[in-house]
């Protein structure tokens, strides 16, 4: 007996539940002899004892979710720490200590126009002033900054404006390249040494680097620390935390839990704005951002490794022990007979050797996995680049920058709430494709409207809602498409593609020197192409997550949106007798 179930400890309802699970397991094992997708029925039965979501999963989920908050915070920290306030040239006659003393009135616009030309919008030029010798205009040698909202920032300290503006943008690009590196390196590492180890070491490093980067005295060391900060700050803990949750909760809870990660990330963006409004000194502000890593330090002792990962690595006793403790915490009235699962596991062999050594390269070795991997990579890339493209199309927004940043995080929540409700009703494939196509159209339309107009802003905000929704879905979709042995690697690869898009966006925007509409059109077209290609991915709604590389290769063969619509959705499972025939065979054999 796999479960010890005294009548006073094991209610009849739970007995029936376990018997049903066993019956289903017996049926699936019979079918597994014919089916090429070798789902480990013992593992599924073991995980099924937890239920979809109990106290244990809720506690672990909250621990994982904290990593999403810190990831969003670190990702956008440079928006305030290296903010670029309004600025103009320093005018000796008007701005020197001799000319400006306490009690005097600041230079008026009419006074400044005698020294600084106006740009095409009728505002003071930010980078040029009239040559005192009468030879046209010259570049500013020093600057005056509007300190209404920002008393200090890296930009103000190092004058990263005008001809040095690229240096400020490079700081964010370097961070994104760090996330790019971490997504691939740490994603593969988590599949080899474990999700928990990568999560916890990343948490410690983001705490150290997040504080250290505040004290860097010069630009080059700042870039080096920003790169390392990106590796651990927004890749290691966030991706592994997401995978840990997807491998722990039941199918009915994967959607709301996955969407919650995106909402928590947006919450981190809102924290950036909140702390920025309260703390005016950029050094203290960055230290506060870095100290958020303390939220993850206790995970060393209170967070568990993924039972699925442990099982696939052959560490089945550890997996069973975790599930046993979880079942008791969930209070389901069950006691797991550990030896039953361990004895059965010893006689159950996986269909492929080398599982423990599976890694990123295995995603490209077989045709079906390779096709899905390339499709998903483009999807991550397109979602990221379209999101940034829509943000750029919004034009300049006047007002309190902290309030604007806060609202930019807040505006994503309606999308997440809607997706959480619809995802398990309409499916992953159709929602991802639809949202990407509509988001791409919004990006293109916004490019042809007057920048800053009500119509343009409305289109952009709707587009951001759609893209935020598809970005949330692709996390769940990716986790369900790829097998356990390479799931973290696949998620890391997708995140890498998204970060690559973020790093390339500033370069693409340089094309606006030829036509202001070119960048937004490029972003929109990429989204339209990817949204259409997503229709060729298999649907994962209501299907078990693949475990081995063979599972991943056989998963969803022949399942596309077009074959489904035309009634020709032939997958590998159709090569075998229908369930009712196999049930009859089992009865006859008895």
Protein backbone atom coordinates (compact mmCIF):
# COMPACT_ATOMS: atom_id res chain seq x y z
CA UNK A 1 0.00 0.00 0.00
CA UNK A 2 1.44 3.41 -0.93
CA UNK A 3 -0.58 5.18 1.72
CA UNK A 4 -1.29 4.25 5.27
CA UNK A 5 -4.88 5.24 5.83
CA UNK A 6 -6.37 4.35 9.23
CA UNK A 7 -10.07 5.18 9.20
CA UNK A 8 -9.74 7.70 12.00
CA UNK A 9 -7.02 9.59 10.07
CA UNK A 10 -8.11 9.16 6.48
CA UNK A 11 -11.65 10.35 5.65
CA UNK A 12 -13.71 8.43 3.14
CA UNK A 13 -13.65 11.36 0.71
CA UNK A 14 -9.86 11.27 0.61
CA UNK A 15 -9.87 7.49 0.28
CA UNK A 16 -12.03 7.84 -2.80
CA UNK A 17 -9.75 10.54 -4.14
CA UNK A 18 -6.67 8.37 -3.78
CA UNK A 19 -8.41 5.32 -5.28
CA UNK A 20 -9.41 7.47 -8.25
CA UNK A 21 -5.85 8.68 -8.60
CA UNK A 22 -4.59 5.10 -8.45
CA UNK A 23 -7.12 3.95 -11.04
CA UNK A 24 -6.08 6.75 -13.32
CA UNK A 25 -2.44 5.86 -12.74
CA UNK A 26 -3.12 2.19 -13.60
CA UNK A 27 -4.87 3.23 -16.79
CA UNK A 28 -2.07 5.62 -17.75
CA UNK A 29 0.58 2.99 -17.08
CA UNK A 30 -1.26 0.63 -19.41
CA UNK A 31 -1.39 3.28 -22.05
CA UNK A 32 2.26 4.26 -21.47
CA UNK A 33 3.30 0.92 -22.92
CA UNK A 34 2.03 2.21 -26.26
CA UNK A 35 2.44 5.97 -25.96
CA UNK A 36 5.77 7.52 -26.95
CA UNK A 37 5.38 10.34 -24.41
CA UNK A 38 6.85 8.71 -21.32
CA UNK A 39 5.24 10.70 -18.55
CA UNK A 40 6.55 9.37 -15.22
CA UNK A 41 3.31 8.17 -13.67
CA UNK A 42 4.86 7.60 -10.25
CA UNK A 43 6.05 11.18 -10.14
CA UNK A 44 2.66 12.49 -11.27
CA UNK A 45 0.90 10.35 -8.69
CA UNK A 46 3.28 11.55 -5.96
CA UNK A 47 2.81 15.20 -6.88
CA UNK A 48 -0.94 14.65 -7.14
CA UNK A 49 -1.07 13.89 -3.42
CA UNK A 50 -0.35 17.56 -2.77
CA UNK A 51 -3.46 18.78 -4.54
CA UNK A 52 -3.24 21.76 -6.86
CA UNK A 53 -2.64 24.40 -4.20
CA UNK A 54 -2.51 24.03 -0.45
CA UNK A 55 -0.83 25.74 2.48
CA UNK A 56 2.56 24.34 1.52
CA UNK A 57 2.38 25.52 -2.09
CA UNK A 58 1.06 28.89 -0.92
CA UNK A 59 4.01 29.39 1.44
CA UNK A 60 6.60 28.38 -1.16
CA UNK A 61 4.85 30.48 -3.82
CA UNK A 62 5.13 33.63 -1.70
CA UNK A 63 8.85 32.94 -1.24
CA UNK A 64 9.29 32.57 -5.00
CA UNK A 65 7.16 35.65 -5.70
CA UNK A 66 9.45 37.94 -3.70
CA UNK A 67 12.11 37.37 -6.36
CA UNK A 68 9.80 38.88 -8.98
CA UNK A 69 9.39 42.04 -6.89
CA UNK A 70 13.15 42.53 -6.50
CA UNK A 71 13.73 41.74 -10.20
CA UNK A 72 11.36 44.52 -11.31
CA UNK A 73 12.92 46.92 -8.83
CA UNK A 74 16.50 46.24 -9.95
CA UNK A 75 15.59 46.33 -13.64
CA UNK A 76 14.25 49.90 -13.47
CA UNK A 77 16.47 51.30 -10.71
CA UNK A 78 18.55 53.32 -13.16
CA UNK A 79 15.47 55.33 -14.16
CA UNK A 80 15.75 57.24 -10.89
CA UNK A 81 19.39 56.68 -9.87
CA UNK A 82 20.64 57.96 -13.24
CA UNK A 83 17.68 60.18 -14.09
CA UNK A 84 18.13 62.80 -16.81
CA UNK A 85 16.40 65.98 -15.62
CA UNK A 86 15.75 68.99 -17.81
CA UNK A 87 18.96 70.89 -18.43
CA UNK A 88 20.50 73.81 -20.32
CA UNK A 89 23.88 75.42 -20.75
CA UNK A 90 25.48 77.19 -17.80
CA UNK A 91 25.59 80.93 -18.58
CA UNK A 92 28.33 82.73 -16.70
CA UNK A 93 26.59 86.12 -16.70
CA UNK A 94 23.33 84.70 -15.33
CA UNK A 95 24.23 81.59 -13.34
CA UNK A 96 27.53 82.40 -11.63
CA UNK A 97 27.70 82.93 -7.86
CA UNK A 98 28.35 86.61 -8.45
CA UNK A 99 25.25 86.98 -10.60
CA UNK A 100 22.94 84.74 -8.53
CA UNK A 101 22.80 85.41 -4.82
CA UNK A 102 20.17 84.72 -2.20
CA UNK A 103 17.08 86.77 -2.78
CA UNK A 104 17.63 87.35 -6.49
CA UNK A 105 15.16 86.24 -9.12
CA UNK A 106 16.23 83.30 -11.30
CA UNK A 107 16.98 84.14 -14.95
CA UNK A 108 13.84 84.68 -16.98
CA UNK A 109 13.19 83.11 -20.37
CA UNK A 110 13.73 86.44 -22.12
CA UNK A 111 17.13 86.80 -20.45
CA UNK A 112 18.16 83.26 -21.32
CA UNK A 113 17.18 83.59 -24.99
CA UNK A 114 19.93 86.19 -25.32
CA UNK A 115 22.43 83.42 -24.63
CA UNK A 116 20.68 80.18 -25.61
CA UNK A 117 18.81 79.46 -28.90
CA UNK A 118 15.36 77.91 -29.04
CA UNK A 119 14.76 74.47 -30.55
CA UNK A 120 12.01 73.48 -33.01
CA UNK A 121 9.48 73.11 -30.18
CA UNK A 122 10.10 76.64 -28.89
CA UNK A 123 12.01 75.49 -25.80
CA UNK A 124 15.54 76.39 -24.75
CA UNK A 125 18.09 74.18 -26.46
CA UNK A 126 19.53 71.66 -24.02
CA UNK A 127 22.99 71.41 -25.54
CA UNK A 128 23.87 74.61 -27.39
CA UNK A 129 24.48 78.26 -26.60
CA UNK A 130 25.47 81.31 -28.61
CA UNK A 131 29.19 81.79 -29.15
CA UNK A 132 30.30 84.91 -27.22
CA UNK A 133 32.58 85.67 -30.18
CA UNK A 134 29.59 85.81 -32.52
CA UNK A 135 30.41 82.65 -34.48
CA UNK A 136 26.99 81.00 -34.33
CA UNK A 137 26.43 78.39 -31.59
CA UNK A 138 28.76 76.22 -29.56
CA UNK A 139 28.31 73.16 -27.35
CA UNK A 140 27.82 73.66 -23.63
CA UNK A 141 30.88 73.29 -21.42
CA UNK A 142 28.79 72.89 -18.23
CA UNK A 143 25.11 72.61 -17.39
CA UNK A 144 22.32 73.80 -15.14
CA UNK A 145 19.83 71.08 -14.12
CA UNK A 146 16.21 71.35 -13.07
CA UNK A 147 16.31 69.91 -9.54
CA UNK A 148 12.58 70.04 -8.87
CA UNK A 149 12.35 66.25 -8.73
CA UNK A 150 15.97 65.06 -8.75
CA UNK A 151 18.45 66.57 -6.32
CA UNK A 152 21.20 64.20 -7.46
CA UNK A 153 21.76 61.43 -9.99
CA UNK A 154 24.59 59.79 -11.88
CA UNK A 155 23.70 61.93 -14.88
CA UNK A 156 24.06 65.14 -12.89
CA UNK A 157 27.34 64.02 -11.32
CA UNK A 158 29.01 62.97 -14.56
CA UNK A 159 27.15 65.32 -16.98
CA UNK A 160 25.90 62.38 -19.06
CA UNK A 161 23.89 64.58 -21.42
CA UNK A 162 24.18 65.87 -24.99
CA UNK A 163 27.33 64.41 -26.57
CA UNK A 164 27.70 62.09 -23.54
CA UNK A 165 24.11 60.95 -23.52
CA UNK A 166 25.12 57.61 -25.02
CA UNK A 167 27.14 56.91 -21.88
CA UNK A 168 24.03 57.12 -19.75
CA UNK A 169 22.09 54.88 -22.13
CA UNK A 170 25.00 52.42 -22.12
CA UNK A 171 24.54 51.91 -18.38
CA UNK A 172 21.07 50.45 -18.97
CA UNK A 173 22.20 48.50 -22.03
CA UNK A 174 25.05 46.94 -20.04
CA UNK A 175 22.57 45.91 -17.33
CA UNK A 176 20.34 44.27 -19.96
CA UNK A 177 23.34 42.44 -21.38
CA UNK A 178 24.03 41.21 -17.84
CA UNK A 179 20.48 39.86 -17.64
CA UNK A 180 21.07 38.35 -21.09
CA UNK A 181 24.13 36.52 -19.77
CA UNK A 182 22.46 35.45 -16.54
CA UNK A 183 19.39 34.12 -18.32
CA UNK A 184 21.48 31.66 -20.35
CA UNK A 185 24.25 30.81 -17.89
CA UNK A 186 22.17 30.62 -14.72
CA UNK A 187 19.24 29.00 -16.52
CA UNK A 188 21.40 26.09 -17.65
CA UNK A 189 23.17 25.95 -14.31
CA UNK A 190 19.85 25.61 -12.48
CA UNK A 191 19.00 22.54 -14.58
CA UNK A 192 22.33 20.96 -13.58
CA UNK A 193 22.93 21.88 -9.91
CA UNK A 194 19.39 22.73 -8.82
CA UNK A 195 16.89 25.57 -8.77
CA UNK A 196 17.39 26.38 -5.09
CA UNK A 197 21.17 26.80 -5.26
CA UNK A 198 20.99 29.21 -8.18
CA UNK A 199 18.09 31.10 -6.58
CA UNK A 200 19.85 31.60 -3.24
CA UNK A 201 23.30 32.45 -4.60
CA UNK A 202 21.72 34.96 -6.97
CA UNK A 203 19.83 36.51 -4.04
CA UNK A 204 23.07 36.95 -2.10
CA UNK A 205 24.91 38.43 -5.08
CA UNK A 206 22.14 40.90 -5.90
CA UNK A 207 22.26 42.13 -2.31
CA UNK A 208 26.04 42.65 -2.45
CA UNK A 209 26.17 44.16 -5.95
CA UNK A 210 23.05 46.28 -5.46
CA UNK A 211 24.73 48.07 -2.55
CA UNK A 212 28.26 48.12 -4.02
CA UNK A 213 27.20 49.81 -7.27
CA UNK A 214 26.09 52.86 -5.28
CA UNK A 215 29.69 53.56 -4.22
CA UNK A 216 31.46 53.21 -7.58
CA UNK A 217 33.56 56.37 -8.06
CA UNK A 218 34.04 56.34 -11.82
CA UNK A 219 32.31 55.28 -15.02
CA UNK A 220 34.14 52.09 -16.05
CA UNK A 221 33.83 50.39 -12.66
CA UNK A 222 30.19 51.50 -12.65
CA UNK A 223 29.61 49.64 -15.95
CA UNK A 224 31.37 46.50 -14.70
CA UNK A 225 29.25 46.35 -11.56
CA UNK A 226 26.09 47.13 -13.54
CA UNK A 227 26.83 44.14 -15.78
CA UNK A 228 27.28 41.79 -12.81
CA UNK A 229 24.25 43.37 -11.14
CA UNK A 230 22.17 42.45 -14.19
CA UNK A 231 23.34 38.82 -14.15
CA UNK A 232 22.09 38.22 -10.62
CA UNK A 233 19.60 41.05 -10.02
CA UNK A 234 16.95 40.30 -12.65
CA UNK A 235 17.78 36.83 -13.99
CA UNK A 236 18.96 34.26 -11.43
CA UNK A 237 16.33 34.39 -8.71
CA UNK A 238 13.44 35.53 -10.88
CA UNK A 239 13.61 32.82 -13.56
CA UNK A 240 14.37 29.99 -11.13
CA UNK A 241 11.64 31.21 -8.78
CA UNK A 242 9.13 31.11 -11.62
CA UNK A 243 10.17 27.60 -12.63
CA UNK A 244 10.01 26.42 -9.01
CA UNK A 245 6.41 27.60 -8.79
CA UNK A 246 5.38 26.04 -12.11
CA UNK A 247 6.85 22.69 -11.02
CA UNK A 248 5.11 22.75 -7.63
CA UNK A 249 1.52 23.88 -8.15
CA UNK A 250 -1.18 21.87 -9.91
CA UNK A 251 -2.39 22.53 -13.47
CA UNK A 252 -5.42 24.56 -12.39
CA UNK A 253 -3.21 27.02 -10.49
CA UNK A 254 -0.35 27.49 -12.96
CA UNK A 255 -2.12 30.32 -14.75
CA UNK A 256 -2.91 32.57 -11.74
CA UNK A 257 0.49 31.84 -10.18
CA UNK A 258 2.33 32.58 -13.41
CA UNK A 259 0.41 35.81 -13.97
CA UNK A 260 1.12 36.79 -10.36
CA UNK A 261 4.83 36.81 -11.19
CA UNK A 262 4.26 39.44 -13.85
CA UNK A 263 2.14 41.49 -11.47
CA UNK A 264 4.85 41.25 -8.81
CA UNK A 265 7.41 42.45 -11.35
CA UNK A 266 5.19 45.46 -12.08
CA UNK A 267 4.96 45.96 -8.31
CA UNK A 268 8.75 46.20 -8.23
CA UNK A 269 8.58 48.99 -10.83
CA UNK A 270 6.10 50.82 -8.64
CA UNK A 271 8.52 50.45 -5.70
CA UNK A 272 11.21 52.17 -7.77
CA UNK A 273 8.93 55.17 -8.14
CA UNK A 274 7.84 55.17 -4.49
CA UNK A 275 11.40 55.10 -3.08
CA UNK A 276 12.54 57.64 -5.68
CA UNK A 277 9.89 60.09 -4.55
CA UNK A 278 10.90 59.70 -0.89
CA UNK A 279 14.72 59.65 -1.17
CA UNK A 280 16.43 62.49 -3.02
CA UNK A 281 20.07 61.39 -2.63
CA UNK A 282 20.97 58.94 -5.39
CA UNK A 283 23.60 57.08 -3.28
CA UNK A 284 21.18 56.37 -0.44
CA UNK A 285 18.48 55.52 -2.97
CA UNK A 286 20.63 52.87 -4.69
CA UNK A 287 21.62 51.40 -1.31
CA UNK A 288 17.93 51.08 -0.42
CA UNK A 289 17.27 49.36 -3.75
CA UNK A 290 20.12 46.94 -3.12
CA UNK A 291 18.99 46.14 0.42
CA UNK A 292 15.80 44.65 -0.98
CA UNK A 293 17.94 41.55 -1.52
CA UNK A 294 17.51 40.93 2.21
CA UNK A 295 13.98 39.75 1.40
CA UNK A 296 15.52 36.64 -0.17
CA UNK A 297 18.27 35.78 2.32
CA UNK A 298 16.12 33.55 4.54
CA UNK A 299 15.28 31.37 1.54
CA UNK A 300 18.47 29.39 2.22
CA UNK A 301 16.68 27.77 5.17
CA UNK A 302 12.95 27.91 4.46
CA UNK A 303 12.63 27.29 0.71
CA UNK A 304 12.64 23.75 -0.74
CA UNK A 305 14.17 22.40 -3.91
CA UNK A 306 11.80 21.34 -6.70
CA UNK A 307 10.63 17.74 -6.08
CA UNK A 308 10.24 17.28 -9.83
CA UNK A 309 13.86 18.29 -10.46
CA UNK A 310 15.11 16.05 -7.65
CA UNK A 311 13.14 13.11 -9.03
CA UNK A 312 14.48 13.60 -12.55
CA UNK A 313 18.03 13.75 -11.18
CA UNK A 314 17.59 10.38 -9.48
CA UNK A 315 17.41 11.94 -6.00
CA UNK A 316 14.02 10.38 -5.40
CA UNK A 317 14.26 9.98 -1.63
CA UNK A 318 14.75 13.74 -1.22
CA UNK A 319 11.77 14.38 -3.48
CA UNK A 320 9.55 11.98 -1.54
CA UNK A 321 10.62 13.50 1.79
CA UNK A 322 9.67 17.00 0.60
CA UNK A 323 6.28 15.81 -0.66
CA UNK A 324 5.65 13.94 2.60
CA UNK A 325 6.34 17.10 4.61
CA UNK A 326 4.18 19.13 2.22
CA UNK A 327 1.25 16.71 2.47
CA UNK A 328 1.32 16.98 6.24
CA UNK A 329 1.51 20.78 6.06
CA UNK A 330 -1.47 20.84 3.70
CA UNK A 331 -3.45 18.92 6.31
CA UNK A 332 -5.04 16.52 3.85
CA UNK A 333 -5.17 13.64 6.36
CA UNK A 334 -2.65 11.59 4.41
CA UNK A 335 0.60 9.87 5.31
CA UNK A 336 2.88 9.04 2.39
CA UNK A 337 4.35 5.54 2.38
CA UNK A 338 7.83 6.58 1.21
CA UNK A 339 9.10 3.07 0.54
CA UNK A 340 6.29 2.39 -1.92
CA UNK A 341 7.43 5.17 -4.23
CA UNK A 342 11.12 4.41 -3.72
CA UNK A 343 10.76 0.68 -4.39
CA UNK A 344 8.65 1.32 -7.47
CA UNK A 345 11.10 3.97 -8.61
CA UNK A 346 13.96 1.48 -8.51
CA UNK A 347 12.20 -0.69 -11.08
CA UNK A 348 11.17 2.20 -13.28
CA UNK A 349 13.75 3.30 -15.80
CA UNK A 350 13.62 6.44 -17.88
CA UNK A 351 13.56 5.98 -21.62
CA UNK A 352 16.70 7.98 -22.15
CA UNK A 353 20.06 8.07 -20.51
CA UNK A 354 22.01 11.19 -19.69
CA UNK A 355 19.00 13.04 -18.25
CA UNK A 356 21.07 14.64 -15.54
CA UNK A 357 23.39 16.13 -18.14
CA UNK A 358 20.66 17.63 -20.33
CA UNK A 359 21.24 21.29 -21.10
CA UNK A 360 20.70 24.17 -23.49
CA UNK A 361 22.11 22.35 -26.51
CA UNK A 362 19.48 19.63 -26.22
CA UNK A 363 16.81 22.16 -27.19
CA UNK A 364 18.24 22.21 -30.74
CA UNK A 365 19.19 18.55 -31.30
CA UNK A 366 15.79 17.21 -32.39
CA UNK A 367 13.44 18.76 -34.99
CA UNK A 368 10.27 19.32 -32.96
CA UNK A 369 12.07 20.77 -29.92
CA UNK A 370 14.21 22.93 -32.21
CA UNK A 371 11.15 24.31 -33.99
CA UNK A 372 9.40 25.12 -30.72
CA UNK A 373 12.56 26.67 -29.25
CA UNK A 374 13.10 29.04 -32.20
CA UNK A 375 9.42 29.99 -32.21
CA UNK A 376 9.41 30.75 -28.48
CA UNK A 377 12.68 32.71 -28.72
CA UNK A 378 11.21 34.99 -31.37
CA UNK A 379 8.08 35.39 -29.24
CA UNK A 380 10.11 36.57 -26.22
CA UNK A 381 12.15 38.89 -28.44
CA UNK A 382 9.09 40.38 -30.14
CA UNK A 383 7.19 40.92 -26.89
CA UNK A 384 10.09 42.80 -25.36
CA UNK A 385 10.90 44.96 -28.37
CA UNK A 386 7.25 45.86 -29.00
CA UNK A 387 6.76 46.85 -25.38
CA UNK A 388 9.72 49.25 -25.57
CA UNK A 389 8.57 50.45 -28.97
CA UNK A 390 5.14 51.38 -27.62
CA UNK A 391 6.77 53.15 -24.68
CA UNK A 392 8.87 55.24 -27.03
CA UNK A 393 5.82 56.07 -29.16
CA UNK A 394 4.17 57.68 -26.15
CA UNK A 395 6.43 60.71 -26.54
CA UNK A 396 7.27 63.01 -23.68
CA UNK A 397 4.95 62.92 -20.69
CA UNK A 398 4.88 66.02 -18.55
CA UNK A 399 4.33 66.00 -14.82
CA UNK A 400 5.78 64.26 -11.80
CA UNK A 401 8.13 61.56 -13.18
CA UNK A 402 7.65 59.36 -10.10
CA UNK A 403 3.88 59.40 -10.49
CA UNK A 404 4.20 58.62 -14.19
CA UNK A 405 6.51 55.68 -13.50
CA UNK A 406 4.16 54.43 -10.79
CA UNK A 407 1.21 54.56 -13.19
CA UNK A 408 3.20 52.76 -15.88
CA UNK A 409 3.53 49.83 -13.51
CA UNK A 410 -0.05 50.09 -12.30
CA UNK A 411 -1.55 50.13 -15.80
CA UNK A 412 -0.39 46.55 -16.39
CA UNK A 413 -2.61 45.10 -13.67
CA UNK A 414 -5.92 45.18 -15.61
CA UNK A 415 -4.26 43.14 -18.32
CA UNK A 416 -2.99 40.55 -15.84
CA UNK A 417 -6.40 40.23 -14.17
CA UNK A 418 -8.10 39.66 -17.52
CA UNK A 419 -5.49 37.15 -18.68
CA UNK A 420 -5.72 35.21 -15.42
CA UNK A 421 -9.45 34.78 -16.01
CA UNK A 422 -9.31 33.96 -19.73
CA UNK A 423 -6.13 31.90 -20.11
CA UNK A 424 -7.60 28.59 -18.96
CA UNK A 425 -10.73 29.18 -21.03
CA UNK A 426 -9.32 30.26 -24.40
CA UNK A 427 -5.90 28.59 -24.31
CA UNK A 428 -2.33 29.84 -24.43
CA UNK A 429 -1.78 29.80 -28.17
CA UNK A 430 -4.79 31.85 -29.26
CA UNK A 431 -4.37 34.49 -26.55
CA UNK A 432 -0.64 34.94 -27.14
CA UNK A 433 -1.08 35.28 -30.89
CA UNK A 434 -4.06 37.66 -30.66
CA UNK A 435 -2.46 39.97 -28.12
CA UNK A 436 0.81 40.18 -30.06
CA UNK A 437 -0.93 40.93 -33.35
CA UNK A 438 -3.13 43.65 -31.81
CA UNK A 439 -0.14 45.08 -29.91
CA UNK A 440 1.89 45.22 -33.11
CA UNK A 441 -0.94 47.00 -34.93
CA UNK A 442 -1.15 49.56 -32.10
CA UNK A 443 2.59 50.16 -32.38
CA UNK A 444 2.35 50.86 -36.12
CA UNK A 445 -0.79 53.02 -35.83
CA UNK A 446 0.74 55.13 -33.05
CA UNK A 447 3.72 55.91 -35.29
CA UNK A 448 1.42 57.67 -37.78
CA UNK A 449 -0.47 59.76 -35.22
CA UNK A 450 0.61 63.11 -33.83
CA UNK A 451 3.06 62.49 -31.00
CA UNK A 452 1.66 63.52 -27.65
CA UNK A 453 -1.93 63.73 -28.91
CA UNK A 454 -4.82 62.16 -27.02
CA UNK A 455 -5.36 59.62 -29.79
CA UNK A 456 -1.70 58.59 -29.85
CA UNK A 457 -1.49 58.24 -26.08
CA UNK A 458 -4.70 56.18 -26.00
CA UNK A 459 -3.46 53.81 -28.72
CA UNK A 460 -0.11 53.42 -26.98
CA UNK A 461 -1.67 52.63 -23.61
CA UNK A 462 -3.98 50.03 -25.13
CA UNK A 463 -1.03 48.53 -26.97
CA UNK A 464 0.94 48.31 -23.74
CA UNK A 465 -1.96 46.52 -22.09
CA UNK A 466 -2.01 43.91 -24.87
CA UNK A 467 1.75 43.39 -24.92
CA UNK A 468 1.93 43.20 -21.12
CA UNK A 469 -0.69 40.45 -21.33
CA UNK A 470 1.13 38.44 -24.00
CA UNK A 471 4.40 38.84 -22.11
CA UNK A 472 2.71 37.34 -19.06
CA UNK A 473 1.31 34.43 -21.04
CA UNK A 474 4.62 33.53 -22.70
CA UNK A 475 6.13 32.75 -19.28
CA UNK A 476 3.42 30.17 -18.57
CA UNK A 477 3.41 28.92 -22.14
CA UNK A 478 7.19 28.38 -22.21
CA UNK A 479 7.20 26.56 -18.88
CA UNK A 480 4.51 24.18 -20.13
CA UNK A 481 6.01 23.55 -23.58
CA UNK A 482 9.45 22.36 -22.50
CA UNK A 483 10.38 19.23 -20.49
CA UNK A 484 11.53 19.34 -16.88
CA UNK A 485 15.14 18.41 -17.62
CA UNK A 486 15.68 21.55 -19.74
CA UNK A 487 12.82 23.77 -18.58
CA UNK A 488 15.04 26.25 -16.74
CA UNK A 489 17.42 26.38 -19.71
CA UNK A 490 14.52 27.11 -22.05
CA UNK A 491 13.17 29.84 -19.78
CA UNK A 492 16.64 31.33 -19.53
CA UNK A 493 17.05 31.30 -23.30
CA UNK A 494 13.71 33.05 -23.75
CA UNK A 495 14.60 35.66 -21.18
CA UNK A 496 17.94 36.12 -22.94
CA UNK A 497 16.12 36.92 -26.18
CA UNK A 498 13.93 39.45 -24.37
CA UNK A 499 16.98 41.16 -22.89
CA UNK A 500 18.66 41.19 -26.29
CA UNK A 501 15.61 43.04 -27.59
CA UNK A 502 15.89 45.54 -24.74
CA UNK A 503 19.55 46.13 -25.53
CA UNK A 504 18.90 46.58 -29.27
CA UNK A 505 15.98 48.99 -28.89
CA UNK A 506 18.13 52.15 -28.39
CA UNK A 507 20.11 51.26 -31.52
CA UNK A 508 16.96 50.82 -33.60
CA UNK A 509 15.61 54.15 -32.37
CA UNK A 510 18.62 55.86 -34.00
CA UNK A 511 16.90 55.20 -37.32
CA UNK A 512 14.47 58.00 -36.48
CA UNK A 513 17.03 60.38 -37.98
CA UNK A 514 15.80 59.14 -41.37
CA UNK A 515 12.10 59.01 -40.50
CA UNK A 516 10.55 59.22 -37.00
CA UNK A 517 8.14 56.42 -37.91
CA UNK A 518 10.73 53.79 -38.87
CA UNK A 519 11.53 52.44 -35.36
CA UNK A 520 7.90 51.96 -34.31
CA UNK A 521 7.04 50.29 -37.63
CA UNK A 522 9.96 47.87 -37.21
CA UNK A 523 8.79 47.00 -33.69
CA UNK A 524 5.23 46.47 -34.85
CA UNK A 525 6.14 44.30 -37.84
CA UNK A 526 8.29 42.02 -35.65
CA UNK A 527 5.33 41.58 -33.31
CA UNK A 528 2.98 40.77 -36.20
CA UNK A 529 5.38 38.16 -37.61
CA UNK A 530 5.90 36.47 -34.26
CA UNK A 531 2.18 36.61 -33.40
CA UNK A 532 1.41 34.75 -36.62
CA UNK A 533 4.17 32.16 -36.11
CA UNK A 534 2.88 31.39 -32.59
CA UNK A 535 -0.14 29.79 -34.27
CA UNK A 536 2.16 26.90 -35.24
CA UNK A 537 2.97 26.04 -31.61
CA UNK A 538 1.01 23.25 -29.86
CA UNK A 539 -1.61 24.10 -27.25
CA UNK A 540 -0.66 23.20 -23.67
CA UNK A 541 -3.90 23.93 -21.83
CA UNK A 542 -5.03 20.91 -19.81
CA UNK A 543 -2.07 18.74 -20.84
CA UNK A 544 0.56 17.23 -18.53
CA UNK A 545 3.95 18.93 -18.49
CA UNK A 546 6.59 16.90 -20.39
CA UNK A 547 9.37 15.44 -18.23
CA UNK A 548 12.13 13.96 -20.41
CA UNK A 549 13.71 15.07 -23.67
CA UNK A 550 11.73 12.38 -25.48
CA UNK A 551 8.53 13.78 -24.00
CA UNK A 552 9.46 17.23 -25.27
CA UNK A 553 10.25 15.98 -28.76
CA UNK A 554 6.93 14.12 -29.03
CA UNK A 555 4.82 16.80 -27.36
CA UNK A 556 2.18 18.34 -29.62
CA UNK A 557 3.38 16.96 -32.95
CA UNK A 558 0.97 18.05 -35.65
CA UNK A 559 -0.95 20.33 -33.29
CA UNK A 560 -1.25 23.81 -34.79
CA UNK A 561 -4.03 26.39 -34.84
CA UNK A 562 -4.67 25.54 -38.50
CA UNK A 563 -4.89 21.78 -38.03
CA UNK A 564 -7.25 22.35 -35.08
CA UNK A 565 -9.53 24.62 -37.11
CA UNK A 566 -9.59 22.18 -40.03
CA UNK A 567 -10.27 19.17 -37.80
CA UNK A 568 -6.93 17.55 -38.60
CA UNK A 569 -5.23 17.92 -35.24
CA UNK A 570 -3.26 14.67 -35.45
CA UNK A 571 -0.80 14.32 -32.61
CA UNK A 572 1.38 11.39 -31.71
CA UNK A 573 -1.25 10.05 -29.31
CA UNK A 574 -3.62 9.34 -32.20
CA UNK A 575 -1.40 6.52 -33.38
CA UNK A 576 -2.80 4.35 -30.56
CA UNK A 577 -6.20 2.88 -29.73
CA UNK A 578 -8.78 5.16 -28.11
CA UNK A 579 -9.04 5.02 -24.30
CA UNK A 580 -12.28 3.04 -24.21
CA UNK A 581 -10.76 0.23 -26.27
CA UNK A 582 -7.78 -0.01 -23.95
CA UNK A 583 -10.04 -0.09 -20.91
CA UNK A 584 -11.93 -3.00 -22.42
CA UNK A 585 -8.67 -4.82 -23.08
CA UNK A 586 -7.67 -4.40 -19.43
CA UNK A 587 -10.99 -5.83 -18.28
CA UNK A 588 -10.69 -8.80 -20.61
CA UNK A 589 -7.17 -9.49 -19.46
CA UNK A 590 -8.46 -9.85 -15.96
